[in-house]
């Protein structure tokens, strides 16, 4: 199995493309209370690597 890439800062779509298909991935969403509406700009703000699992926290900008 290859090394897990660091995808923090990448747009969610690109981050998921970079992660190999053999990794299980979960996504948690968070929003700033100052943002009133969700935009299309979704980026990874935190990544937690576990055995055969990656948890991504994403936020909309």
N, C-alpha and C. Protein backbone atom coordinates (compact mmCIF):
# COMPACT_ATOMS: atom_id res chain seq x y z
N UNK A 1 0.85 -1.18 0.00
CA UNK A 1 0.00 0.00 0.00
C UNK A 1 0.89 1.24 0.00
N UNK A 2 0.53 2.21 -0.77
CA UNK A 2 1.33 3.42 -0.89
C UNK A 2 1.09 4.36 0.28
N UNK A 3 1.95 5.34 0.36
CA UNK A 3 1.85 6.36 1.40
C UNK A 3 0.58 7.20 1.20
N UNK A 4 -0.06 7.58 2.29
CA UNK A 4 -1.26 8.41 2.23
C UNK A 4 -0.84 9.84 1.87
N UNK A 5 -1.44 10.43 0.84
CA UNK A 5 -1.08 11.80 0.49
C UNK A 5 -1.68 12.80 1.47
N UNK A 6 -0.99 13.92 1.66
CA UNK A 6 -1.51 15.01 2.48
C UNK A 6 -2.37 15.88 1.56
N UNK A 7 -3.68 15.89 1.82
CA UNK A 7 -4.61 16.61 0.93
C UNK A 7 -5.20 17.85 1.59
N UNK A 8 -4.67 18.27 2.72
CA UNK A 8 -5.17 19.48 3.40
C UNK A 8 -4.95 20.68 2.49
N UNK A 9 -5.99 21.47 2.33
CA UNK A 9 -5.93 22.66 1.48
C UNK A 9 -6.47 22.44 0.08
N UNK A 10 -6.58 21.19 -0.33
CA UNK A 10 -7.09 20.90 -1.66
C UNK A 10 -8.62 20.96 -1.69
N UNK A 11 -9.17 21.25 -2.88
CA UNK A 11 -10.61 21.14 -3.06
C UNK A 11 -11.00 19.68 -2.85
N UNK A 12 -12.19 19.44 -2.32
CA UNK A 12 -12.61 18.10 -1.96
C UNK A 12 -12.53 17.14 -3.15
N UNK A 13 -13.00 17.57 -4.30
CA UNK A 13 -13.00 16.70 -5.48
C UNK A 13 -11.58 16.24 -5.82
N UNK A 14 -10.64 17.16 -5.82
CA UNK A 14 -9.24 16.83 -6.13
C UNK A 14 -8.65 15.94 -5.04
N UNK A 15 -8.97 16.21 -3.79
CA UNK A 15 -8.46 15.40 -2.67
C UNK A 15 -8.90 13.95 -2.81
N UNK A 16 -10.16 13.75 -3.16
CA UNK A 16 -10.66 12.39 -3.32
C UNK A 16 -10.01 11.68 -4.50
N UNK A 17 -9.67 12.42 -5.54
CA UNK A 17 -8.97 11.84 -6.68
C UNK A 17 -7.56 11.39 -6.28
N UNK A 18 -6.93 12.10 -5.36
CA UNK A 18 -5.56 11.81 -4.95
C UNK A 18 -5.48 10.61 -4.01
N UNK A 19 -6.57 10.33 -3.31
CA UNK A 19 -6.58 9.21 -2.36
C UNK A 19 -6.87 7.94 -3.13
N UNK A 20 -6.07 6.94 -2.90
CA UNK A 20 -6.23 5.68 -3.64
C UNK A 20 -7.57 5.03 -3.32
N UNK A 21 -8.10 4.25 -4.26
CA UNK A 21 -9.40 3.60 -4.05
C UNK A 21 -9.42 2.58 -2.91
N UNK A 22 -8.25 2.09 -2.49
CA UNK A 22 -8.26 1.09 -1.42
C UNK A 22 -8.27 1.71 -0.02
N UNK A 23 -8.40 3.01 0.08
CA UNK A 23 -8.55 3.67 1.38
C UNK A 23 -10.02 3.99 1.62
N UNK A 24 -10.51 3.64 2.78
CA UNK A 24 -11.86 4.04 3.17
C UNK A 24 -11.78 5.50 3.60
N UNK A 25 -12.74 6.28 3.16
CA UNK A 25 -12.72 7.71 3.44
C UNK A 25 -14.05 8.15 4.02
N UNK A 26 -13.99 8.93 5.10
CA UNK A 26 -15.21 9.54 5.63
C UNK A 26 -15.02 11.05 5.58
N UNK A 27 -16.13 11.75 5.43
CA UNK A 27 -16.09 13.20 5.28
C UNK A 27 -17.01 13.84 6.30
N UNK A 28 -16.47 14.80 7.03
CA UNK A 28 -17.26 15.59 7.97
C UNK A 28 -17.26 17.02 7.45
N UNK A 29 -18.45 17.63 7.43
CA UNK A 29 -18.57 19.00 6.94
C UNK A 29 -18.69 19.98 8.10
N UNK A 30 -18.11 21.13 7.91
CA UNK A 30 -18.23 22.21 8.88
C UNK A 30 -18.36 23.51 8.11
N UNK A 31 -19.03 24.47 8.69
CA UNK A 31 -19.19 25.78 8.06
C UNK A 31 -18.91 26.87 9.07
N UNK A 32 -18.40 27.96 8.58
CA UNK A 32 -18.22 29.14 9.42
C UNK A 32 -19.60 29.73 9.73
N UNK A 33 -19.84 30.15 10.96
CA UNK A 33 -21.13 30.76 11.27
C UNK A 33 -21.36 32.08 10.53
N UNK A 34 -20.30 32.66 9.99
CA UNK A 34 -20.41 33.92 9.26
C UNK A 34 -20.92 33.72 7.84
N UNK A 35 -20.79 32.50 7.31
CA UNK A 35 -21.24 32.23 5.94
C UNK A 35 -22.72 31.84 5.97
N UNK A 36 -23.52 32.58 5.24
CA UNK A 36 -24.97 32.38 5.25
C UNK A 36 -25.41 31.29 4.28
N UNK A 37 -24.69 31.12 3.19
CA UNK A 37 -25.08 30.11 2.20
C UNK A 37 -23.87 29.28 1.79
N UNK A 38 -24.12 28.04 1.44
CA UNK A 38 -23.07 27.13 1.02
C UNK A 38 -22.66 27.47 -0.41
N UNK A 39 -21.36 27.51 -0.62
CA UNK A 39 -20.84 27.80 -1.96
C UNK A 39 -20.27 26.51 -2.56
N UNK A 40 -19.77 26.60 -3.76
CA UNK A 40 -19.17 25.45 -4.42
C UNK A 40 -17.71 25.24 -4.01
N UNK A 41 -17.15 26.17 -3.26
CA UNK A 41 -15.75 26.10 -2.86
C UNK A 41 -15.61 25.27 -1.58
N UNK A 42 -15.43 23.97 -1.73
CA UNK A 42 -15.29 23.07 -0.60
C UNK A 42 -13.85 22.59 -0.52
N UNK A 43 -13.17 22.84 0.60
CA UNK A 43 -11.77 22.47 0.76
C UNK A 43 -11.56 21.63 2.01
N UNK A 44 -10.54 20.79 1.96
CA UNK A 44 -10.17 19.98 3.11
C UNK A 44 -9.42 20.87 4.09
N UNK A 45 -9.90 20.92 5.35
CA UNK A 45 -9.22 21.75 6.35
C UNK A 45 -8.52 20.91 7.41
N UNK A 46 -8.83 19.60 7.46
CA UNK A 46 -8.19 18.73 8.43
C UNK A 46 -8.21 17.30 7.89
N UNK A 47 -7.15 16.57 8.17
CA UNK A 47 -7.05 15.17 7.71
C UNK A 47 -6.54 14.33 8.87
N UNK A 48 -7.24 13.25 9.15
CA UNK A 48 -6.82 12.32 10.19
C UNK A 48 -6.61 10.96 9.54
N UNK A 49 -5.38 10.45 9.62
CA UNK A 49 -5.03 9.17 9.01
C UNK A 49 -5.08 8.08 10.06
N UNK A 50 -5.85 7.03 9.77
CA UNK A 50 -5.94 5.87 10.64
C UNK A 50 -5.63 4.64 9.80
N UNK A 51 -5.57 3.49 10.40
CA UNK A 51 -5.25 2.28 9.67
C UNK A 51 -6.35 1.99 8.64
N UNK A 52 -6.03 2.06 7.37
CA UNK A 52 -6.94 1.79 6.25
C UNK A 52 -8.15 2.73 6.22
N UNK A 53 -8.05 3.88 6.84
CA UNK A 53 -9.18 4.82 6.87
C UNK A 53 -8.64 6.24 6.97
N UNK A 54 -9.26 7.13 6.22
CA UNK A 54 -8.89 8.55 6.25
C UNK A 54 -10.15 9.36 6.56
N UNK A 55 -10.06 10.22 7.55
CA UNK A 55 -11.18 11.11 7.87
C UNK A 55 -10.81 12.52 7.41
N UNK A 56 -11.66 13.08 6.57
CA UNK A 56 -11.45 14.44 6.07
C UNK A 56 -12.50 15.37 6.66
N UNK A 57 -12.06 16.51 7.17
CA UNK A 57 -12.98 17.56 7.60
C UNK A 57 -12.91 18.63 6.54
N UNK A 58 -14.08 18.99 6.00
CA UNK A 58 -14.13 19.96 4.91
C UNK A 58 -14.97 21.16 5.32
N UNK A 59 -14.68 22.28 4.69
CA UNK A 59 -15.43 23.50 4.95
C UNK A 59 -15.70 24.20 3.62
N UNK A 60 -16.77 24.94 3.60
CA UNK A 60 -17.16 25.71 2.40
C UNK A 60 -16.69 27.14 2.58
N UNK A 61 -16.16 27.71 1.49
CA UNK A 61 -15.66 29.09 1.52
C UNK A 61 -16.37 29.92 0.49
